[in-house]
Amino acid sequence: MVVIAADGKYRLKIVLYGPSLSGKTEMLKTLRKMFIGVRSKLYSIQETNGRTLFFDYLVIRPGNNVNFVFDLYTVPGQRRHARQRRVILNGADSIIFVADSAPIAIYENAKSFDELRFYLSGILDKVPLIIAVNKRDLPDALPIRLVLNSLKLTKPTPVFSTVATTGKGIKELFREAFRLTMLASFFPTLYKKELARIIEMHKYLLPEELTREPLIKL
């Protein structure tokens, strides 16, 4: 839900969703270091073990004279924080789902994505969804195809291979997230055409073949 702030700027909300320790907070830390435009400090409320307690929050503005501001939130991944996750999702203009490449995390990836699908119900098909398969530098990282299969995707979705700690794929991930969020929020006709283009290019992947060759950008 686009918000017009008191200063006249349009604020768009992007939520990073995913299981605990998948790298959501690290992504915002890395983005803040890499971003050339105006950005706030990273606001974070953490437990003593470093895990996010409520949410992380970062404000990104592409330039001094740009009237668009992106409010980036992460959700706490621990199961006991389900209520906080649902509250943070409210009014999201797009979603970045951060999946963990570690073999031990495959069940948590699937459970987290099922929860996201449940919370957003039909809305998930109306707002941009981008998948970040993170921790690709792990020596035992699962194949991307296997990670995506566990999510049971039902439509072509941009997928990025990332390493949050080093910045690999982070710039490309957020550039696409900003682009699709802008299109969906302000140019719905163009956004529908973009989705139609993606589906036309990959229609042979729907639905059971979707994860065979998704829109992976390595």
C-alpha atoms as a PDB file:
ATOM      1  CA  MET A   1       0.000   0.000   0.000  1.00  0.00           C
ATOM      2  CA  VAL A   2       1.679   3.167  -1.220  1.00  0.00           C
ATOM      3  CA  VAL A   3       1.776   5.908   1.423  1.00  0.00           C
ATOM      4  CA  ILE A   4       2.141   9.635   0.704  1.00  0.00           C
ATOM      5  CA  ALA A   5       4.229  11.103   3.527  1.00  0.00           C
ATOM      6  CA  ALA A   6       3.914  14.601   4.977  1.00  0.00           C
ATOM      7  CA  ASP A   7       6.837  15.739   2.812  1.00  0.00           C
ATOM      8  CA  GLY A   8       4.969  14.643  -0.324  1.00  0.00           C
ATOM      9  CA  LYS A   9       7.179  11.635  -1.032  1.00  0.00           C
ATOM     10  CA  TYR A  10       5.714   8.293  -2.018  1.00  0.00           C
ATOM     11  CA  ARG A  11       6.751   5.523   0.367  1.00  0.00           C
ATOM     12  CA  LEU A  12       6.775   1.908  -0.782  1.00  0.00           C
ATOM     13  CA  LYS A  13       7.124  -1.023   1.589  1.00  0.00           C
ATOM     14  CA  ILE A  14       9.261  -4.054   0.783  1.00  0.00           C
ATOM     15  CA  VAL A  15       9.312  -6.953   3.240  1.00  0.00           C
ATOM     16  CA  LEU A  16      12.086  -9.545   3.424  1.00  0.00           C
ATOM     17  CA  TYR A  17      10.494 -12.801   4.537  1.00  0.00           C
ATOM     18  CA  GLY A  18      12.049 -16.176   5.263  1.00  0.00           C
ATOM     19  CA  PRO A  19      13.169 -18.617   7.948  1.00  0.00           C
ATOM     20  CA  SER A  20      15.399 -17.738  10.866  1.00  0.00           C
ATOM     21  CA  LEU A  21      19.108 -17.284  10.032  1.00  0.00           C
ATOM     22  CA  SER A  22      18.496 -17.270   6.263  1.00  0.00           C
ATOM     23  CA  GLY A  23      20.370 -13.943   5.957  1.00  0.00           C
ATOM     24  CA  LYS A  24      17.645 -11.280   5.833  1.00  0.00           C
ATOM     25  CA  THR A  25      19.343  -8.889   8.251  1.00  0.00           C
ATOM     26  CA  GLU A  26      22.713  -9.410   6.596  1.00  0.00           C
ATOM     27  CA  MET A  27      21.188  -8.481   3.240  1.00  0.00           C
ATOM     28  CA  LEU A  28      20.076  -5.100   4.551  1.00  0.00           C
ATOM     29  CA  LYS A  29      23.478  -4.508   6.139  1.00  0.00           C
ATOM     30  CA  THR A  30      25.200  -5.266   2.839  1.00  0.00           C
ATOM     31  CA  LEU A  31      22.725  -3.203   0.798  1.00  0.00           C
ATOM     32  CA  ARG A  32      23.316  -0.209   3.034  1.00  0.00           C
ATOM     33  CA  LYS A  33      27.072  -0.440   2.461  1.00  0.00           C
ATOM     34  CA  MET A  34      26.693  -0.831  -1.305  1.00  0.00           C
ATOM     35  CA  PHE A  35      23.943   1.704  -1.965  1.00  0.00           C
ATOM     36  CA  ILE A  36      25.058   4.967  -3.554  1.00  0.00           C
ATOM     37  CA  GLY A  37      21.911   7.025  -2.885  1.00  0.00           C
ATOM     38  CA  VAL A  38      20.478   8.311   0.381  1.00  0.00           C
ATOM     39  CA  ARG A  39      19.897   5.734   3.106  1.00  0.00           C
ATOM     40  CA  SER A  40      19.135   5.733   6.791  1.00  0.00           C
ATOM     41  CA  LYS A  41      20.933   3.818   9.503  1.00  0.00           C
ATOM     42  CA  LEU A  42      19.813   0.223   9.937  1.00  0.00           C
ATOM     43  CA  TYR A  43      17.385   0.024  12.834  1.00  0.00           C
ATOM     44  CA  SER A  44      17.443  -3.388  14.443  1.00  0.00           C
ATOM     45  CA  ILE A  45      16.064  -4.902  17.638  1.00  0.00           C
ATOM     46  CA  GLN A  46      17.908  -8.138  18.351  1.00  0.00           C
ATOM     47  CA  GLU A  47      18.105 -10.806  20.988  1.00  0.00           C
ATOM     48  CA  THR A  48      21.375 -11.422  22.841  1.00  0.00           C
ATOM     49  CA  ASN A  49      22.236 -14.167  20.327  1.00  0.00           C
ATOM     50  CA  GLY A  50      21.984 -11.742  17.414  1.00  0.00           C
ATOM     51  CA  ARG A  51      18.658 -12.962  16.049  1.00  0.00           C
ATOM     52  CA  THR A  52      16.040 -10.398  15.050  1.00  0.00           C
ATOM     53  CA  LEU A  53      13.506  -9.905  17.826  1.00  0.00           C
ATOM     54  CA  PHE A  54      10.904  -7.696  16.128  1.00  0.00           C
ATOM     55  CA  PHE A  55      12.164  -6.407  12.771  1.00  0.00           C
ATOM     56  CA  ASP A  56      14.999  -4.658  10.983  1.00  0.00           C
ATOM     57  CA  TYR A  57      14.246  -1.414   9.179  1.00  0.00           C
ATOM     58  CA  LEU A  58      16.165   0.464   6.493  1.00  0.00           C
ATOM     59  CA  VAL A  59      15.071   3.478   4.434  1.00  0.00           C
ATOM     60  CA  ILE A  60      16.415   3.807   0.900  1.00  0.00           C
ATOM     61  CA  ARG A  61      16.015   6.827  -1.370  1.00  0.00           C
ATOM     62  CA  PRO A  62      17.552   6.593  -4.860  1.00  0.00           C
ATOM     63  CA  GLY A  63      18.586  10.254  -4.986  1.00  0.00           C
ATOM     64  CA  ASN A  64      18.177  13.664  -3.333  1.00  0.00           C
ATOM     65  CA  ASN A  65      15.546  14.836  -5.794  1.00  0.00           C
ATOM     66  CA  VAL A  66      13.610  11.594  -6.157  1.00  0.00           C
ATOM     67  CA  ASN A  67      10.107  11.540  -4.698  1.00  0.00           C
ATOM     68  CA  PHE A  68      10.099   7.805  -4.046  1.00  0.00           C
ATOM     69  CA  VAL A  69      11.262   6.201  -0.820  1.00  0.00           C
ATOM     70  CA  PHE A  70      11.583   2.488  -0.107  1.00  0.00           C
ATOM     71  CA  ASP A  71      10.947   1.269   3.430  1.00  0.00           C
ATOM     72  CA  LEU A  72      12.638  -2.120   3.821  1.00  0.00           C
ATOM     73  CA  TYR A  73      11.630  -4.447   6.647  1.00  0.00           C
ATOM     74  CA  THR A  74      12.753  -7.910   7.702  1.00  0.00           C
ATOM     75  CA  VAL A  75      10.621 -10.261   9.748  1.00  0.00           C
ATOM     76  CA  PRO A  76      11.866 -12.329  12.716  1.00  0.00           C
ATOM     77  CA  GLY A  77      12.192 -15.904  11.503  1.00  0.00           C
ATOM     78  CA  GLN A  78      11.688 -17.821  14.742  1.00  0.00           C
ATOM     79  CA  ARG A  79       8.396 -19.706  14.950  1.00  0.00           C
ATOM     80  CA  ARG A  80       7.293 -17.974  18.141  1.00  0.00           C
ATOM     81  CA  HIS A  81       7.231 -14.615  16.348  1.00  0.00           C
ATOM     82  CA  ALA A  82       4.429 -15.543  13.924  1.00  0.00           C
ATOM     83  CA  ARG A  83       2.244 -12.669  15.123  1.00  0.00           C
ATOM     84  CA  GLN A  84       4.966 -10.081  14.483  1.00  0.00           C
ATOM     85  CA  ARG A  85       5.508 -11.449  10.979  1.00  0.00           C
ATOM     86  CA  ARG A  86       1.852 -11.080  10.130  1.00  0.00           C
ATOM     87  CA  VAL A  87       1.775  -7.484  11.415  1.00  0.00           C
ATOM     88  CA  ILE A  88       4.905  -6.518   9.452  1.00  0.00           C
ATOM     89  CA  LEU A  89       3.439  -7.966   6.236  1.00  0.00           C
ATOM     90  CA  ASN A  90       0.483  -5.604   6.462  1.00  0.00           C
ATOM     91  CA  GLY A  91       0.548  -3.111   3.604  1.00  0.00           C
ATOM     92  CA  ALA A  92       3.561  -4.643   1.836  1.00  0.00           C
ATOM     93  CA  ASP A  93       4.002  -3.482  -1.760  1.00  0.00           C
ATOM     94  CA  SER A  94       6.325  -6.387  -2.615  1.00  0.00           C
ATOM     95  CA  ILE A  95       7.965  -9.399  -0.990  1.00  0.00           C
ATOM     96  CA  ILE A  96      11.507 -10.743  -1.138  1.00  0.00           C
ATOM     97  CA  PHE A  97      11.544 -14.325   0.103  1.00  0.00           C
ATOM     98  CA  VAL A  98      15.002 -15.253   1.395  1.00  0.00           C
ATOM     99  CA  ALA A  99      15.599 -19.002   1.220  1.00  0.00           C
ATOM    100  CA  ASP A 100      18.513 -20.703   2.971  1.00  0.00           C
ATOM    101  CA  SER A 101      20.717 -22.969   0.814  1.00  0.00           C
ATOM    102  CA  ALA A 102      21.822 -25.120   3.765  1.00  0.00           C
ATOM    103  CA  PRO A 103      20.514 -28.718   3.569  1.00  0.00           C
ATOM    104  CA  ILE A 104      19.302 -28.527   7.162  1.00  0.00           C
ATOM    105  CA  ALA A 105      17.090 -25.541   6.275  1.00  0.00           C
ATOM    106  CA  ILE A 106      15.032 -27.075   3.475  1.00  0.00           C
ATOM    107  CA  TYR A 107      12.085 -27.894   5.758  1.00  0.00           C
ATOM    108  CA  GLU A 108      12.152 -24.419   7.337  1.00  0.00           C
ATOM    109  CA  ASN A 109      12.215 -22.809   3.881  1.00  0.00           C
ATOM    110  CA  ALA A 110       9.077 -24.708   2.879  1.00  0.00           C
ATOM    111  CA  LYS A 111       7.302 -24.014   6.162  1.00  0.00           C
ATOM    112  CA  SER A 112       8.114 -20.296   6.017  1.00  0.00           C
ATOM    113  CA  PHE A 113       6.886 -19.992   2.427  1.00  0.00           C
ATOM    114  CA  ASP A 114       3.679 -21.873   3.255  1.00  0.00           C
ATOM    115  CA  GLU A 115       3.113 -19.428   6.109  1.00  0.00           C
ATOM    116  CA  LEU A 116       3.675 -16.472   3.771  1.00  0.00           C
ATOM    117  CA  ARG A 117       1.198 -17.916   1.301  1.00  0.00           C
ATOM    118  CA  PHE A 118      -1.353 -18.415   4.097  1.00  0.00           C
ATOM    119  CA  TYR A 119      -0.955 -14.917   5.551  1.00  0.00           C
ATOM    120  CA  LEU A 120      -1.236 -13.141   2.208  1.00  0.00           C
ATOM    121  CA  SER A 121      -3.736 -15.562   0.674  1.00  0.00           C
ATOM    122  CA  GLY A 122      -4.718 -14.268  -2.791  1.00  0.00           C
ATOM    123  CA  ILE A 123      -2.739 -11.034  -2.338  1.00  0.00           C
ATOM    124  CA  LEU A 124       0.516 -12.900  -3.017  1.00  0.00           C
ATOM    125  CA  ASP A 125      -0.535 -13.167  -6.655  1.00  0.00           C
ATOM    126  CA  LYS A 126      -1.076  -9.398  -6.859  1.00  0.00           C
ATOM    127  CA  VAL A 127       2.159  -8.021  -5.409  1.00  0.00           C
ATOM    128  CA  PRO A 128       5.656  -8.654  -6.807  1.00  0.00           C
ATOM    129  CA  LEU A 129       7.428 -11.683  -5.358  1.00  0.00           C
ATOM    130  CA  ILE A 130      11.171 -12.192  -5.762  1.00  0.00           C
ATOM    131  CA  ILE A 131      13.087 -15.210  -4.485  1.00  0.00           C
ATOM    132  CA  ALA A 132      16.635 -14.881  -3.117  1.00  0.00           C
ATOM    133  CA  VAL A 133      18.376 -18.236  -2.702  1.00  0.00           C
ATOM    134  CA  ASN A 134      21.003 -17.159  -0.201  1.00  0.00           C
ATOM    135  CA  LYS A 135      24.226 -18.666   1.200  1.00  0.00           C
ATOM    136  CA  ARG A 136      25.342 -19.992  -2.171  1.00  0.00           C
ATOM    137  CA  ASP A 137      28.916 -20.041  -0.854  1.00  0.00           C
ATOM    138  CA  LEU A 138      28.224 -22.930   1.505  1.00  0.00           C
ATOM    139  CA  PRO A 139      30.279 -26.019   0.579  1.00  0.00           C
ATOM    140  CA  ASP A 140      27.165 -28.196   0.902  1.00  0.00           C
ATOM    141  CA  ALA A 141      24.678 -25.715  -0.589  1.00  0.00           C
ATOM    142  CA  LEU A 142      21.644 -27.435  -2.046  1.00  0.00           C
ATOM    143  CA  PRO A 143      21.058 -27.085  -5.806  1.00  0.00           C
ATOM    144  CA  ILE A 144      18.866 -24.067  -6.506  1.00  0.00           C
ATOM    145  CA  ARG A 145      16.364 -26.287  -8.273  1.00  0.00           C
ATOM    146  CA  LEU A 146      15.910 -28.384  -5.148  1.00  0.00           C
ATOM    147  CA  VAL A 147      15.394 -25.294  -2.973  1.00  0.00           C
ATOM    148  CA  LEU A 148      12.741 -23.985  -5.366  1.00  0.00           C
ATOM    149  CA  ASN A 149      11.008 -27.363  -5.574  1.00  0.00           C
ATOM    150  CA  SER A 150      10.527 -27.293  -1.815  1.00  0.00           C
ATOM    151  CA  LEU A 151       8.656 -23.965  -2.095  1.00  0.00           C
ATOM    152  CA  LYS A 152       6.104 -25.346  -4.577  1.00  0.00           C
ATOM    153  CA  LEU A 153       5.969 -22.158  -6.644  1.00  0.00           C
ATOM    154  CA  THR A 154       2.909 -21.743  -8.840  1.00  0.00           C
ATOM    155  CA  LYS A 155       4.021 -18.970 -11.187  1.00  0.00           C
ATOM    156  CA  PRO A 156       7.239 -17.730 -12.856  1.00  0.00           C
ATOM    157  CA  THR A 157       9.144 -15.724 -10.279  1.00  0.00           C
ATOM    158  CA  PRO A 158      12.478 -13.861 -10.567  1.00  0.00           C
ATOM    159  CA  VAL A 159      15.078 -15.872  -8.640  1.00  0.00           C
ATOM    160  CA  PHE A 160      18.481 -14.572  -7.591  1.00  0.00           C
ATOM    161  CA  SER A 161      21.484 -16.485  -6.321  1.00  0.00           C
ATOM    162  CA  THR A 162      22.970 -14.477  -3.448  1.00  0.00           C
ATOM    163  CA  VAL A 163      25.676 -14.422  -0.812  1.00  0.00           C
ATOM    164  CA  ALA A 164      24.617 -11.724   1.633  1.00  0.00           C
ATOM    165  CA  THR A 165      27.921 -11.661   3.501  1.00  0.00           C
ATOM    166  CA  THR A 166      29.955 -10.848   0.383  1.00  0.00           C
ATOM    167  CA  GLY A 167      27.352  -8.880  -1.582  1.00  0.00           C
ATOM    168  CA  LYS A 168      27.111 -11.361  -4.462  1.00  0.00           C
ATOM    169  CA  GLY A 169      23.799 -10.813  -6.243  1.00  0.00           C
ATOM    170  CA  ILE A 170      22.541  -8.267  -3.705  1.00  0.00           C
ATOM    171  CA  LYS A 171      22.634  -5.232  -5.982  1.00  0.00           C
ATOM    172  CA  GLU A 172      20.863  -7.138  -8.759  1.00  0.00           C
ATOM    173  CA  LEU A 173      18.262  -8.500  -6.339  1.00  0.00           C
ATOM    174  CA  PHE A 174      17.234  -5.131  -4.948  1.00  0.00           C
ATOM    175  CA  ARG A 175      17.393  -3.385  -8.306  1.00  0.00           C
ATOM    176  CA  GLU A 176      14.785  -5.839  -9.602  1.00  0.00           C
ATOM    177  CA  ALA A 177      12.735  -5.531  -6.408  1.00  0.00           C
ATOM    178  CA  PHE A 178      12.659  -1.727  -6.698  1.00  0.00           C
ATOM    179  CA  ARG A 179      11.776  -1.919 -10.409  1.00  0.00           C
ATOM    180  CA  LEU A 180       8.896  -4.379 -10.015  1.00  0.00           C
ATOM    181  CA  THR A 181       7.553  -2.567  -6.945  1.00  0.00           C
ATOM    182  CA  MET A 182       7.459   0.715  -8.846  1.00  0.00           C
ATOM    183  CA  LEU A 183       5.763  -0.883 -11.855  1.00  0.00           C
ATOM    184  CA  ALA A 184       3.130  -2.671  -9.762  1.00  0.00           C
ATOM    185  CA  SER A 185       2.382   0.400  -7.618  1.00  0.00           C
ATOM    186  CA  PHE A 186       2.333   3.188 -10.219  1.00  0.00           C
ATOM    187  CA  PHE A 187       2.161   1.558 -13.647  1.00  0.00           C
ATOM    188  CA  PRO A 188      -0.139  -1.457 -13.231  1.00  0.00           C
ATOM    189  CA  THR A 189      -0.724  -1.780 -16.969  1.00  0.00           C
ATOM    190  CA  LEU A 190       3.014  -1.978 -17.637  1.00  0.00           C
ATOM    191  CA  TYR A 191       3.392  -4.385 -14.724  1.00  0.00           C
ATOM    192  CA  LYS A 192       0.732  -6.699 -16.177  1.00  0.00           C
ATOM    193  CA  LYS A 193       2.521  -6.582 -19.527  1.00  0.00           C
ATOM    194  CA  GLU A 194       5.791  -7.445 -17.799  1.00  0.00           C
ATOM    195  CA  LEU A 195       4.153 -10.417 -16.072  1.00  0.00           C
ATOM    196  CA  ALA A 196       2.576 -11.480 -19.342  1.00  0.00           C
ATOM    197  CA  ARG A 197       5.998 -11.303 -21.002  1.00  0.00           C
ATOM    198  CA  ILE A 198       7.519 -13.483 -18.298  1.00  0.00           C
ATOM    199  CA  ILE A 199       4.689 -16.009 -18.493  1.00  0.00           C
ATOM    200  CA  GLU A 200       4.816 -16.097 -22.298  1.00  0.00           C
ATOM    201  CA  MET A 201       8.554 -16.706 -22.253  1.00  0.00           C
ATOM    202  CA  HIS A 202       8.185 -19.468 -19.678  1.00  0.00           C
ATOM    203  CA  LYS A 203       4.644 -20.750 -20.185  1.00  0.00           C
ATOM    204  CA  TYR A 204       5.923 -24.251 -20.811  1.00  0.00           C
ATOM    205  CA  LEU A 205       7.131 -24.268 -17.187  1.00  0.00           C
ATOM    206  CA  LEU A 206       3.661 -23.873 -15.659  1.00  0.00           C
ATOM    207  CA  PRO A 207       2.824 -25.264 -13.236  1.00  0.00           C
ATOM    208  CA  GLU A 208       4.517 -28.618 -12.545  1.00  0.00           C
ATOM    209  CA  GLU A 209       7.539 -27.803 -14.703  1.00  0.00           C
ATOM    210  CA  LEU A 210       8.047 -24.363 -13.172  1.00  0.00           C
ATOM    211  CA  THR A 211      11.148 -25.168 -11.160  1.00  0.00           C
ATOM    212  CA  ARG A 212      12.931 -26.986 -13.959  1.00  0.00           C
ATOM    213  CA  GLU A 213      14.183 -23.739 -15.499  1.00  0.00           C
ATOM    214  CA  PRO A 214      12.910 -20.779 -13.465  1.00  0.00           C
ATOM    215  CA  LEU A 215      14.113 -17.242 -13.949  1.00  0.00           C
ATOM    216  CA  ILE A 216      17.389 -17.923 -12.163  1.00  0.00           C
ATOM    217  CA  LYS A 217      20.039 -15.232 -12.521  1.00  0.00           C
ATOM    218  CA  LEU A 218      23.398 -16.673 -11.526  1.00  0.00           C
END
